N, C-alpha and C. Protein backbone atom coordinates (compact mmCIF):
# COMPACT_ATOMS: atom_id res chain seq x y z
N MET A 1 7.47 -18.24 2.55
CA MET A 1 7.00 -17.42 1.75
C MET A 1 7.03 -17.66 0.34
N ASN A 2 6.69 -16.70 -0.61
CA ASN A 2 6.63 -17.20 -2.11
C ASN A 2 8.08 -17.00 -2.67
N ASP A 3 8.20 -17.49 -4.08
CA ASP A 3 9.39 -17.24 -4.74
C ASP A 3 9.40 -15.93 -5.65
N MET A 4 8.59 -14.93 -5.24
CA MET A 4 8.51 -13.74 -5.95
C MET A 4 9.77 -13.03 -5.48
N PRO A 5 10.63 -12.39 -6.54
CA PRO A 5 11.89 -11.47 -6.14
C PRO A 5 11.20 -10.53 -5.08
N LYS A 6 12.06 -10.34 -3.90
CA LYS A 6 11.99 -9.39 -2.97
C LYS A 6 12.27 -8.08 -3.40
N PRO A 7 11.47 -6.98 -3.29
CA PRO A 7 11.90 -5.58 -3.73
C PRO A 7 13.15 -5.12 -3.14
N THR A 8 14.02 -4.32 -3.69
CA THR A 8 15.22 -3.91 -3.20
C THR A 8 14.84 -2.78 -1.99
N SER A 9 15.62 -2.47 -1.26
CA SER A 9 15.55 -1.57 -0.04
C SER A 9 14.78 -0.35 -0.63
N LEU A 10 15.41 0.20 -1.85
CA LEU A 10 14.93 1.46 -2.18
C LEU A 10 13.43 1.33 -2.96
N GLU A 11 13.08 0.11 -3.51
CA GLU A 11 11.74 -0.13 -3.97
C GLU A 11 10.82 -0.37 -2.88
N LEU A 12 11.31 -0.88 -1.77
CA LEU A 12 10.34 -1.14 -0.68
C LEU A 12 10.00 0.23 0.13
N ALA A 13 11.09 1.17 0.30
CA ALA A 13 10.81 2.60 0.60
C ALA A 13 10.00 3.33 -0.11
N ALA A 14 10.23 3.11 -1.64
CA ALA A 14 9.17 4.11 -2.31
C ALA A 14 7.85 3.53 -2.26
N LEU A 15 7.67 2.02 -2.13
CA LEU A 15 6.25 1.51 -1.88
C LEU A 15 5.53 1.83 -0.70
N ILE A 16 6.30 1.88 0.33
CA ILE A 16 5.69 2.24 1.71
C ILE A 16 5.32 3.69 1.78
N SER A 17 6.38 4.56 0.93
CA SER A 17 5.94 5.95 0.95
C SER A 17 4.78 6.23 0.09
N SER A 18 4.46 5.48 -1.08
CA SER A 18 3.21 5.65 -1.81
C SER A 18 2.00 5.28 -0.84
N LYS A 19 2.07 4.04 0.00
CA LYS A 19 1.03 3.80 0.80
C LYS A 19 0.61 4.85 1.89
N ILE A 20 1.78 5.28 2.35
CA ILE A 20 1.46 6.48 3.36
C ILE A 20 0.90 7.54 2.75
N CYS A 21 1.31 7.94 1.37
CA CYS A 21 0.62 9.15 0.91
C CYS A 21 -0.88 8.86 0.52
N HIS A 22 -0.93 7.50 -0.08
CA HIS A 22 -2.44 7.23 -0.27
C HIS A 22 -3.38 7.42 0.96
N ASP A 23 -2.73 7.05 2.08
CA ASP A 23 -3.79 7.18 3.26
C ASP A 23 -3.83 8.49 3.71
N VAL A 24 -2.99 9.53 3.46
CA VAL A 24 -3.06 10.86 4.31
C VAL A 24 -3.76 11.76 3.19
N ILE A 25 -3.49 11.27 1.71
CA ILE A 25 -3.72 12.47 0.76
C ILE A 25 -5.44 12.76 0.83
N GLY A 26 -6.24 11.85 1.21
CA GLY A 26 -7.83 12.28 1.31
C GLY A 26 -8.09 13.22 2.46
N PRO A 27 -7.73 12.96 3.65
CA PRO A 27 -7.84 14.18 4.45
C PRO A 27 -7.31 15.31 4.44
N VAL A 28 -5.98 15.41 3.69
CA VAL A 28 -5.16 16.60 3.60
C VAL A 28 -5.94 17.27 2.34
N GLY A 29 -6.55 16.73 1.23
CA GLY A 29 -7.27 17.34 0.22
C GLY A 29 -8.37 18.04 0.93
N ALA A 30 -9.25 17.18 1.76
CA ALA A 30 -10.48 17.94 2.50
C ALA A 30 -9.95 18.97 3.29
N ILE A 31 -8.83 19.15 3.94
CA ILE A 31 -8.34 20.19 4.62
C ILE A 31 -8.35 21.63 3.77
N SER A 32 -7.87 21.25 2.57
CA SER A 32 -7.43 22.27 1.54
C SER A 32 -8.79 22.88 0.89
N ASN A 33 -9.83 21.83 0.65
CA ASN A 33 -11.19 22.29 0.44
C ASN A 33 -11.83 23.12 1.34
N GLY A 34 -11.70 22.80 2.59
CA GLY A 34 -12.29 23.45 3.86
C GLY A 34 -11.59 24.99 3.92
N LEU A 35 -10.40 25.04 3.56
CA LEU A 35 -9.85 26.28 3.65
C LEU A 35 -10.35 27.27 2.38
N GLU A 36 -10.47 26.60 1.16
CA GLU A 36 -11.12 27.39 0.20
C GLU A 36 -12.38 28.10 0.52
N ILE A 37 -13.23 26.99 1.21
CA ILE A 37 -14.52 27.85 1.68
C ILE A 37 -14.44 28.83 2.60
N LEU A 38 -13.43 28.59 3.45
CA LEU A 38 -13.49 29.86 4.62
C LEU A 38 -13.13 31.08 3.69
N THR A 39 -12.09 31.04 2.68
CA THR A 39 -11.71 32.20 2.28
C THR A 39 -12.65 32.75 1.06
N GLU A 40 -13.66 32.00 0.56
CA GLU A 40 -14.20 32.33 -0.66
C GLU A 40 -15.77 32.52 -0.16
N ASP A 41 -16.38 31.99 0.70
CA ASP A 41 -17.66 31.83 1.06
C ASP A 41 -17.88 32.69 2.30
N ASP A 42 -18.87 33.70 2.32
CA ASP A 42 -19.21 34.44 3.47
C ASP A 42 -20.29 34.07 4.34
N ASP A 43 -20.91 32.98 3.94
CA ASP A 43 -22.06 32.38 4.48
C ASP A 43 -21.62 31.84 5.98
N SER A 44 -22.00 32.03 6.97
CA SER A 44 -21.80 31.77 8.38
C SER A 44 -22.07 30.23 8.48
N GLN A 45 -22.94 29.50 7.96
CA GLN A 45 -23.13 28.09 7.97
C GLN A 45 -22.04 27.39 7.33
N ALA A 46 -21.71 27.91 6.09
CA ALA A 46 -20.65 27.40 5.09
C ALA A 46 -19.39 27.39 6.03
N LYS A 47 -19.00 28.34 6.64
CA LYS A 47 -17.79 28.67 7.33
C LYS A 47 -17.99 27.57 8.59
N THR A 48 -18.99 27.46 9.12
CA THR A 48 -19.12 26.36 10.39
C THR A 48 -18.84 25.13 9.87
N PHE A 49 -19.44 24.73 8.60
CA PHE A 49 -19.21 23.50 7.96
C PHE A 49 -17.88 23.33 7.63
N ALA A 50 -17.08 24.28 7.05
CA ALA A 50 -15.85 24.25 6.64
C ALA A 50 -14.84 23.88 7.74
N LEU A 51 -15.21 24.61 8.94
CA LEU A 51 -14.13 24.58 10.16
C LEU A 51 -14.47 22.91 10.67
N ASP A 52 -15.57 22.55 10.67
CA ASP A 52 -15.84 21.26 11.20
C ASP A 52 -15.01 20.27 10.31
N VAL A 53 -15.05 20.41 8.77
CA VAL A 53 -14.29 19.57 7.98
C VAL A 53 -12.87 19.75 8.34
N ILE A 54 -12.14 20.87 8.28
CA ILE A 54 -10.81 21.11 8.72
C ILE A 54 -10.46 20.40 9.81
N ARG A 55 -11.38 20.57 10.93
CA ARG A 55 -10.86 19.98 12.19
C ARG A 55 -10.88 18.49 12.24
N ASN A 56 -11.81 17.77 11.72
CA ASN A 56 -12.05 16.33 11.44
C ASN A 56 -10.96 15.88 10.78
N SER A 57 -10.74 16.47 9.58
CA SER A 57 -9.67 15.96 8.51
C SER A 57 -8.23 16.11 9.18
N THR A 58 -8.15 17.25 9.94
CA THR A 58 -6.65 17.30 10.49
C THR A 58 -6.43 16.01 11.55
N GLU A 59 -7.52 15.77 12.25
CA GLU A 59 -7.42 14.81 13.43
C GLU A 59 -7.26 13.60 12.66
N GLN A 60 -7.75 13.24 11.39
CA GLN A 60 -7.65 11.94 10.71
C GLN A 60 -6.23 11.86 10.27
N ALA A 61 -5.80 13.02 9.51
CA ALA A 61 -4.35 12.93 9.07
C ALA A 61 -3.50 12.74 10.15
N SER A 62 -3.61 13.40 11.17
CA SER A 62 -2.60 13.28 12.27
C SER A 62 -2.62 11.75 12.98
N ALA A 63 -3.78 11.18 12.95
CA ALA A 63 -3.97 9.72 13.25
C ALA A 63 -3.24 8.87 12.46
N ARG A 64 -3.57 8.91 11.15
CA ARG A 64 -2.79 8.21 10.32
C ARG A 64 -1.52 8.17 10.29
N LEU A 65 -0.91 9.52 10.43
CA LEU A 65 0.43 9.61 10.38
C LEU A 65 1.08 9.01 11.68
N GLN A 66 0.37 9.17 12.71
CA GLN A 66 0.93 8.62 13.98
C GLN A 66 0.95 7.03 13.77
N PHE A 67 -0.19 6.42 13.59
CA PHE A 67 -0.11 5.11 13.23
C PHE A 67 1.01 4.59 12.24
N ALA A 68 1.13 5.43 11.14
CA ALA A 68 2.29 4.85 10.09
C ALA A 68 3.70 4.98 10.78
N ARG A 69 3.89 5.88 11.45
CA ARG A 69 5.28 6.13 12.20
C ARG A 69 5.69 4.69 12.75
N ILE A 70 4.79 4.04 13.56
CA ILE A 70 5.17 2.94 14.25
C ILE A 70 5.01 1.83 13.31
N ALA A 71 3.74 1.70 12.67
CA ALA A 71 3.56 0.50 11.82
C ALA A 71 4.49 0.08 10.75
N PHE A 72 4.94 1.44 10.11
CA PHE A 72 5.79 1.29 8.96
C PHE A 72 7.32 1.95 9.13
N GLY A 73 7.33 2.74 10.21
CA GLY A 73 8.52 3.61 10.47
C GLY A 73 9.67 2.69 11.03
N ALA A 74 10.57 3.35 11.47
CA ALA A 74 11.63 2.75 12.30
C ALA A 74 11.43 2.52 13.60
N ALA A 75 10.80 3.65 14.32
CA ALA A 75 10.21 3.42 15.67
C ALA A 75 11.16 2.98 16.68
N GLY A 76 12.37 3.54 16.57
CA GLY A 76 13.51 3.34 17.48
C GLY A 76 14.54 2.52 16.89
N SER A 77 15.70 2.31 17.63
CA SER A 77 16.80 1.31 17.25
C SER A 77 16.50 -0.04 16.90
N THR A 78 17.33 -0.90 16.42
CA THR A 78 17.06 -2.20 16.32
C THR A 78 17.11 -2.73 17.74
N GLY A 79 16.25 -3.73 17.80
CA GLY A 79 16.10 -4.19 19.12
C GLY A 79 15.22 -3.62 20.27
N ALA A 80 14.50 -2.43 19.81
CA ALA A 80 13.89 -1.47 20.64
C ALA A 80 12.64 -2.22 21.08
N MET A 81 12.10 -1.84 22.24
CA MET A 81 10.64 -2.13 22.64
C MET A 81 9.67 -1.05 22.55
N ILE A 82 8.53 -1.52 22.34
CA ILE A 82 7.48 -0.35 22.09
C ILE A 82 6.35 -0.59 23.19
N ASP A 83 5.80 0.42 23.76
CA ASP A 83 4.75 0.30 24.76
C ASP A 83 3.48 -0.21 24.11
N LEU A 84 2.94 -1.30 24.72
CA LEU A 84 1.45 -1.69 24.33
C LEU A 84 0.42 -0.50 24.34
N GLY A 85 0.59 0.38 25.20
CA GLY A 85 -0.33 1.56 25.43
C GLY A 85 -0.06 2.50 24.22
N THR A 86 0.84 2.66 23.82
CA THR A 86 1.20 3.42 22.61
C THR A 86 0.60 2.76 21.40
N ALA A 87 0.77 1.47 21.35
CA ALA A 87 0.01 0.64 20.08
C ALA A 87 -1.57 0.78 20.13
N GLU A 88 -1.98 0.80 21.35
CA GLU A 88 -3.50 0.93 21.53
C GLU A 88 -4.00 2.37 21.32
N GLN A 89 -3.20 3.27 21.56
CA GLN A 89 -3.57 4.65 21.20
C GLN A 89 -3.40 5.13 19.86
N VAL A 90 -2.43 4.71 18.89
CA VAL A 90 -2.31 4.99 17.46
C VAL A 90 -3.28 3.95 16.98
N SER A 91 -3.58 2.70 17.39
CA SER A 91 -4.59 2.10 16.74
C SER A 91 -6.04 2.72 16.78
N ARG A 92 -6.47 3.15 17.84
CA ARG A 92 -7.75 3.80 18.12
C ARG A 92 -7.89 5.09 17.23
N GLY A 93 -6.94 5.83 16.99
CA GLY A 93 -6.93 6.85 16.10
C GLY A 93 -6.93 6.51 14.80
N PHE A 94 -6.16 5.51 14.25
CA PHE A 94 -6.31 4.91 12.94
C PHE A 94 -7.75 4.24 12.60
N VAL A 95 -8.27 3.60 13.53
CA VAL A 95 -9.33 2.81 13.34
C VAL A 95 -10.65 4.05 13.30
N GLY A 96 -10.60 4.97 14.05
CA GLY A 96 -11.57 6.11 14.13
C GLY A 96 -12.78 5.73 14.74
N ARG A 97 -13.98 6.61 14.42
CA ARG A 97 -15.04 6.44 15.27
C ARG A 97 -16.24 6.43 14.20
N ALA A 98 -16.19 6.20 13.16
CA ALA A 98 -17.15 6.16 11.96
C ALA A 98 -17.64 4.61 11.81
N LYS A 99 -17.28 4.12 10.75
CA LYS A 99 -17.66 2.72 10.41
C LYS A 99 -17.22 1.71 11.40
N HIS A 100 -16.07 1.89 11.87
CA HIS A 100 -15.57 0.96 12.75
C HIS A 100 -15.23 1.12 14.29
N ARG A 101 -15.30 0.26 14.95
CA ARG A 101 -15.24 0.29 16.35
C ARG A 101 -14.02 -0.56 16.87
N LEU A 102 -13.32 -0.23 17.82
CA LEU A 102 -12.33 -1.03 18.27
C LEU A 102 -12.39 -1.18 19.72
N ALA A 103 -12.22 -2.50 20.15
CA ALA A 103 -12.06 -3.05 21.64
C ALA A 103 -10.55 -3.72 21.82
N TRP A 104 -10.16 -3.22 22.75
CA TRP A 104 -8.59 -3.66 22.92
C TRP A 104 -8.48 -4.37 24.35
N LYS A 105 -7.97 -5.47 24.43
CA LYS A 105 -7.67 -6.24 25.67
C LYS A 105 -6.39 -6.71 25.69
N GLY A 106 -5.52 -6.39 26.80
CA GLY A 106 -4.15 -6.75 26.70
C GLY A 106 -3.62 -6.25 27.87
N PRO A 107 -2.54 -6.71 28.42
CA PRO A 107 -1.76 -6.31 29.66
C PRO A 107 -0.94 -4.96 28.95
N ALA A 108 -0.44 -4.21 30.27
CA ALA A 108 0.36 -3.09 30.15
C ALA A 108 1.82 -3.53 30.06
N GLY A 109 2.68 -3.18 29.32
CA GLY A 109 3.88 -3.43 29.16
C GLY A 109 4.41 -3.20 27.83
N TYR A 110 5.84 -3.82 27.53
CA TYR A 110 6.46 -3.38 26.24
C TYR A 110 6.73 -4.80 25.54
N ILE A 111 6.55 -4.77 24.03
CA ILE A 111 6.93 -5.87 23.26
C ILE A 111 7.78 -5.37 22.32
N ALA A 112 8.72 -6.37 21.66
CA ALA A 112 9.56 -6.30 20.76
C ALA A 112 8.91 -5.46 19.56
N LYS A 113 9.89 -4.64 18.96
CA LYS A 113 9.36 -3.57 17.74
C LYS A 113 8.78 -4.42 16.79
N ASP A 114 9.34 -5.37 16.24
CA ASP A 114 8.78 -6.02 15.03
C ASP A 114 7.43 -6.64 15.52
N GLN A 115 7.28 -7.35 16.82
CA GLN A 115 6.09 -7.75 17.10
C GLN A 115 4.90 -6.75 17.17
N CYS A 116 5.35 -5.49 17.50
CA CYS A 116 4.47 -4.34 17.56
C CYS A 116 3.88 -4.02 16.20
N LYS A 117 5.06 -4.02 15.34
CA LYS A 117 4.58 -3.58 14.04
C LYS A 117 3.89 -4.55 13.37
N LEU A 118 3.96 -5.92 13.69
CA LEU A 118 2.97 -6.62 13.17
C LEU A 118 1.85 -6.62 13.69
N LEU A 119 1.46 -6.31 15.03
CA LEU A 119 0.33 -6.23 15.69
C LEU A 119 -0.58 -4.91 15.05
N LEU A 120 0.12 -3.77 14.79
CA LEU A 120 -0.38 -2.70 14.17
C LEU A 120 -0.97 -3.17 12.56
N ASN A 121 -0.05 -3.83 11.86
CA ASN A 121 -0.29 -4.15 10.60
C ASN A 121 -1.62 -5.10 10.45
N LEU A 122 -1.85 -5.87 11.41
CA LEU A 122 -2.93 -6.84 11.67
C LEU A 122 -4.09 -5.99 11.93
N VAL A 123 -3.87 -4.78 12.80
CA VAL A 123 -4.95 -3.93 13.16
C VAL A 123 -5.50 -3.21 11.58
N ALA A 124 -4.70 -2.83 10.96
CA ALA A 124 -5.01 -2.22 9.76
C ALA A 124 -5.55 -3.41 8.62
N SER A 125 -5.16 -4.59 8.80
CA SER A 125 -5.72 -5.72 7.95
C SER A 125 -7.15 -6.05 8.51
N GLY A 126 -7.29 -5.80 9.79
CA GLY A 126 -8.82 -5.93 10.40
C GLY A 126 -9.69 -4.82 9.74
N VAL A 127 -9.26 -3.70 9.60
CA VAL A 127 -10.00 -2.73 8.93
C VAL A 127 -10.25 -2.91 7.57
N ALA A 128 -9.40 -3.65 6.80
CA ALA A 128 -9.49 -4.02 5.40
C ALA A 128 -10.62 -5.23 5.31
N ALA A 129 -10.54 -6.05 6.38
CA ALA A 129 -11.49 -7.03 6.36
C ALA A 129 -12.95 -6.66 6.49
N LEU A 130 -13.28 -5.48 6.99
CA LEU A 130 -14.62 -4.81 7.00
C LEU A 130 -14.76 -3.82 6.23
N PRO A 131 -15.04 -3.90 4.93
CA PRO A 131 -15.36 -2.75 3.87
C PRO A 131 -16.62 -2.10 4.30
N ARG A 132 -17.59 -2.61 5.14
CA ARG A 132 -18.74 -1.97 5.36
C ARG A 132 -18.72 -1.53 6.85
N GLY A 133 -17.72 -1.79 7.60
CA GLY A 133 -17.57 -1.40 9.07
C GLY A 133 -17.87 -2.54 9.80
N GLY A 134 -17.62 -2.51 11.22
CA GLY A 134 -18.07 -3.37 12.08
C GLY A 134 -17.08 -3.20 13.37
N ASP A 135 -17.07 -4.53 14.03
CA ASP A 135 -16.24 -4.39 15.26
C ASP A 135 -14.93 -5.15 15.25
N ILE A 136 -13.84 -4.49 15.64
CA ILE A 136 -12.55 -5.05 15.84
C ILE A 136 -12.02 -5.15 17.20
N GLU A 137 -11.78 -6.54 17.53
CA GLU A 137 -11.47 -6.92 19.06
C GLU A 137 -10.21 -7.40 18.84
N VAL A 138 -9.16 -6.64 19.57
CA VAL A 138 -7.86 -6.88 19.77
C VAL A 138 -7.58 -7.51 21.02
N GLN A 139 -6.79 -8.57 20.91
CA GLN A 139 -6.49 -9.38 22.39
C GLN A 139 -5.03 -9.69 22.17
N VAL A 140 -4.40 -9.16 23.25
CA VAL A 140 -2.97 -9.45 23.40
C VAL A 140 -2.84 -10.49 24.40
N SER A 141 -2.18 -11.67 24.55
CA SER A 141 -2.27 -12.65 25.52
C SER A 141 -0.63 -13.39 25.58
N GLY A 142 -0.50 -14.25 26.56
CA GLY A 142 0.83 -14.90 26.67
C GLY A 142 1.82 -13.89 27.30
N PRO A 143 2.86 -14.46 27.66
CA PRO A 143 3.96 -13.57 28.15
C PRO A 143 4.43 -12.54 26.94
N LEU A 144 4.63 -11.27 27.55
CA LEU A 144 5.33 -10.34 26.75
C LEU A 144 6.41 -10.58 25.79
N SER A 145 7.18 -11.62 26.51
CA SER A 145 8.32 -12.06 25.68
C SER A 145 7.94 -12.84 24.49
N ALA A 146 6.87 -13.48 24.64
CA ALA A 146 6.37 -14.15 23.52
C ALA A 146 4.86 -14.04 23.31
N PRO A 147 4.41 -12.91 22.92
CA PRO A 147 2.97 -12.68 22.78
C PRO A 147 2.30 -13.26 21.78
N GLN A 148 0.89 -13.51 22.01
CA GLN A 148 -0.03 -13.80 21.06
C GLN A 148 -1.12 -13.01 20.68
N PHE A 149 -1.48 -12.78 19.39
CA PHE A 149 -2.37 -11.69 19.04
C PHE A 149 -3.43 -12.19 18.45
N THR A 150 -4.70 -11.95 18.77
CA THR A 150 -6.07 -12.36 18.31
C THR A 150 -6.77 -11.01 17.87
N ILE A 151 -6.98 -10.87 16.45
CA ILE A 151 -7.75 -9.76 16.09
C ILE A 151 -9.16 -10.26 15.38
N ARG A 152 -10.26 -10.21 16.13
CA ARG A 152 -11.51 -10.65 15.71
C ARG A 152 -12.24 -9.53 14.98
N CYS A 153 -12.43 -9.72 13.71
CA CYS A 153 -13.33 -8.58 12.87
C CYS A 153 -14.66 -9.20 12.47
N SER A 154 -15.71 -8.64 13.12
CA SER A 154 -16.88 -8.85 12.76
C SER A 154 -18.08 -7.88 12.38
N GLY A 155 -18.62 -8.18 11.40
CA GLY A 155 -19.61 -7.22 10.70
C GLY A 155 -20.24 -7.65 9.48
N GLN A 156 -21.10 -6.96 8.73
CA GLN A 156 -21.60 -7.29 7.44
C GLN A 156 -20.59 -7.36 6.56
N ALA A 157 -20.61 -8.37 5.60
CA ALA A 157 -19.64 -8.54 4.62
C ALA A 157 -18.25 -8.68 4.90
N ALA A 158 -18.03 -9.21 6.25
CA ALA A 158 -16.66 -9.37 6.49
C ALA A 158 -15.87 -10.26 5.72
N ARG A 159 -14.62 -10.22 5.37
CA ARG A 159 -14.01 -10.91 4.25
C ARG A 159 -12.44 -11.14 4.70
N PRO A 160 -11.87 -12.16 4.55
CA PRO A 160 -10.40 -12.05 4.83
C PRO A 160 -9.67 -10.98 4.00
N PRO A 161 -8.71 -10.33 4.52
CA PRO A 161 -8.02 -9.08 3.84
C PRO A 161 -7.48 -9.48 2.58
N MET A 162 -7.62 -8.76 1.50
CA MET A 162 -7.15 -9.12 0.23
C MET A 162 -5.56 -9.52 0.33
N PHE A 163 -5.37 -10.31 -0.36
CA PHE A 163 -3.84 -10.73 -0.67
C PHE A 163 -3.03 -11.11 0.63
N LEU A 164 -3.68 -10.98 1.61
CA LEU A 164 -2.80 -11.21 2.93
C LEU A 164 -2.58 -12.88 3.04
N ALA A 165 -3.58 -13.67 2.61
CA ALA A 165 -3.30 -15.16 2.72
C ALA A 165 -2.36 -15.57 1.78
N GLU A 166 -2.44 -14.84 0.47
CA GLU A 166 -1.52 -15.37 -0.62
C GLU A 166 -0.08 -14.97 -0.19
N PHE A 167 0.16 -13.78 0.39
CA PHE A 167 1.52 -13.50 0.82
C PHE A 167 2.31 -14.33 1.83
N LEU A 168 1.05 -14.63 2.73
CA LEU A 168 1.56 -15.64 3.73
C LEU A 168 1.86 -16.78 3.34
N ALA A 169 1.12 -17.58 2.53
CA ALA A 169 1.34 -18.80 2.03
C ALA A 169 2.32 -19.05 0.87
N GLY A 170 2.43 -18.05 0.04
CA GLY A 170 3.30 -18.20 -1.02
C GLY A 170 2.32 -18.53 -2.27
N GLY A 171 3.23 -18.85 -3.37
CA GLY A 171 2.53 -19.18 -4.52
C GLY A 171 2.30 -17.93 -5.27
N LYS A 172 1.21 -18.03 -6.08
CA LYS A 172 0.75 -16.80 -6.81
C LYS A 172 0.29 -15.73 -6.18
N VAL A 173 1.09 -14.60 -6.28
CA VAL A 173 0.87 -13.36 -5.51
C VAL A 173 0.69 -12.14 -6.61
N PRO A 174 0.03 -11.18 -6.46
CA PRO A 174 -0.24 -10.06 -7.22
C PRO A 174 1.05 -9.15 -7.27
N PRO A 175 1.28 -8.12 -8.16
CA PRO A 175 2.39 -7.35 -8.42
C PRO A 175 2.47 -6.42 -7.11
N LEU A 176 3.54 -5.95 -6.61
CA LEU A 176 3.52 -4.94 -5.50
C LEU A 176 3.33 -3.60 -5.97
N ASP A 177 2.34 -2.86 -5.25
CA ASP A 177 2.25 -1.57 -5.42
C ASP A 177 1.72 -0.94 -4.24
N ALA A 178 1.25 0.30 -4.25
CA ALA A 178 0.80 1.16 -3.27
C ALA A 178 -0.45 0.39 -2.42
N MET A 179 -1.24 -0.44 -3.14
CA MET A 179 -2.32 -1.13 -2.50
C MET A 179 -2.03 -2.58 -1.98
N THR A 180 -1.06 -3.14 -2.59
CA THR A 180 -0.52 -4.59 -2.07
C THR A 180 0.58 -4.40 -1.27
N ILE A 181 1.35 -3.38 -1.08
CA ILE A 181 2.44 -3.50 -0.18
C ILE A 181 2.05 -3.67 1.21
N GLN A 182 0.91 -3.26 1.74
CA GLN A 182 0.55 -3.70 3.26
C GLN A 182 0.47 -5.07 3.56
N PRO A 183 -0.18 -5.90 2.72
CA PRO A 183 -0.07 -7.34 2.93
C PRO A 183 1.18 -7.86 3.07
N TYR A 184 1.99 -7.62 1.84
CA TYR A 184 3.14 -8.08 1.73
C TYR A 184 4.16 -7.88 2.69
N TYR A 185 4.11 -6.50 3.51
CA TYR A 185 4.82 -5.89 4.45
C TYR A 185 4.45 -6.86 5.75
N THR A 186 3.06 -7.04 5.86
CA THR A 186 2.69 -7.73 6.83
C THR A 186 3.14 -9.37 7.06
N ALA A 187 3.17 -9.90 5.98
CA ALA A 187 3.71 -11.13 6.03
C ALA A 187 5.32 -11.10 6.28
N GLN A 188 5.88 -10.33 5.76
CA GLN A 188 7.42 -9.90 5.98
C GLN A 188 7.51 -9.92 7.43
N LEU A 189 6.74 -9.07 8.16
CA LEU A 189 6.93 -8.77 9.54
C LEU A 189 6.83 -9.82 10.26
N ALA A 190 5.92 -10.89 9.80
CA ALA A 190 5.74 -12.05 10.48
C ALA A 190 6.70 -13.01 10.45
N GLU A 191 7.58 -13.03 9.40
CA GLU A 191 8.92 -13.60 9.49
C GLU A 191 9.86 -13.12 10.27
N CYS A 192 9.97 -11.78 10.23
CA CYS A 192 10.92 -10.99 11.21
C CYS A 192 10.70 -11.38 12.49
N ALA A 193 9.60 -11.30 13.02
CA ALA A 193 9.05 -11.43 14.49
C ALA A 193 8.90 -12.98 14.90
N HIS A 194 9.29 -13.86 13.95
CA HIS A 194 9.25 -15.25 14.09
C HIS A 194 7.78 -15.74 14.71
N MET A 195 6.63 -15.16 13.77
CA MET A 195 5.54 -15.37 14.23
C MET A 195 4.65 -16.11 13.08
N LYS A 196 3.70 -16.79 13.49
CA LYS A 196 2.92 -17.49 12.35
C LYS A 196 1.65 -16.73 12.42
N VAL A 197 1.08 -16.50 11.25
CA VAL A 197 -0.19 -15.75 11.20
C VAL A 197 -1.29 -16.49 10.60
N ARG A 198 -2.43 -16.69 11.14
CA ARG A 198 -3.38 -17.68 10.53
C ARG A 198 -4.63 -16.87 10.36
N ILE A 199 -5.36 -16.92 9.22
CA ILE A 199 -6.57 -16.30 8.93
C ILE A 199 -7.81 -17.29 8.99
N VAL A 200 -8.86 -17.20 9.90
CA VAL A 200 -10.10 -18.05 9.95
C VAL A 200 -11.26 -17.36 9.69
N ALA A 201 -12.17 -17.63 8.81
CA ALA A 201 -13.34 -17.06 8.54
C ALA A 201 -14.59 -17.90 9.23
N SER A 202 -15.19 -17.06 9.93
CA SER A 202 -16.31 -17.94 10.63
C SER A 202 -17.61 -17.12 10.49
N GLY A 203 -18.58 -17.50 9.69
CA GLY A 203 -19.76 -16.71 9.69
C GLY A 203 -19.61 -15.36 9.02
N GLU A 204 -19.97 -14.18 10.14
CA GLU A 204 -19.81 -13.01 9.77
C GLU A 204 -18.55 -12.40 10.58
N ALA A 205 -17.74 -13.40 10.73
CA ALA A 205 -16.27 -12.89 11.56
C ALA A 205 -15.25 -13.33 10.68
N VAL A 206 -14.36 -12.51 10.81
CA VAL A 206 -12.75 -13.19 10.28
C VAL A 206 -12.00 -12.84 11.42
N VAL A 207 -11.11 -13.95 11.68
CA VAL A 207 -10.11 -13.90 12.92
C VAL A 207 -8.76 -13.91 12.28
N LEU A 208 -7.85 -13.00 12.89
CA LEU A 208 -6.40 -13.01 12.40
C LEU A 208 -5.68 -13.56 13.69
N GLU A 209 -4.91 -14.26 13.56
CA GLU A 209 -4.25 -14.90 14.79
C GLU A 209 -2.87 -14.87 14.45
N ALA A 210 -1.91 -14.40 15.53
CA ALA A 210 -0.36 -14.61 15.17
C ALA A 210 -0.12 -15.03 16.72
N SER A 211 0.81 -16.33 16.39
CA SER A 211 1.64 -16.88 17.69
C SER A 211 3.10 -17.25 17.22
N PRO A 212 3.83 -17.20 18.34
CA PRO A 212 5.34 -17.45 18.11
C PRO A 212 5.34 -18.78 17.40
N ARG A 213 6.43 -18.86 16.51
CA ARG A 213 6.64 -19.97 15.73
C ARG A 213 7.27 -20.97 16.77
N PRO A 214 7.22 -22.35 16.45
CA PRO A 214 7.80 -23.35 17.63
C PRO A 214 9.48 -23.16 17.50
């Protein structure tokens, strides 16, 4: 990792909180706007539109919070194991059904908490790698005691997730804020999970690979 001073526990908590708030403030604001339309507009079509907005935004906010609970939260005590089925479920909710499509291949079972958190953060990095949308293929292979993750991101304008390579390799890195905390946290998780993360760009695809360190 780099020589940048690590944030204190309080600073890290504040940055993660800002990241989660940034992710949910959009759908929560849309819910508020929809409620205003319901109370102020008597047009039936407007009310139907408002109900659709509220329903979709509520689902989006809930999915992002469920994802954040495991990807950034405690998700059990130290040494806890997390069900890969749960990881897939929250990943599908986070990725959504609009610009991005998720395919998941992997066995049933449990993996270590830090490994699961790394996997989810790599899924989030995959979304960031496809600003115009595309396909995210997640594959979990190897023994569950030492799993390997491959996240293939393919689509128009696919690019390596911003700042992730810098935080993984060390050297010059950007200041930590609500936008850069996720790649920083991903790199830290890789260390905690004793896994090495590689980013490979190939044509219209970007592949994120994580494997156990020797």
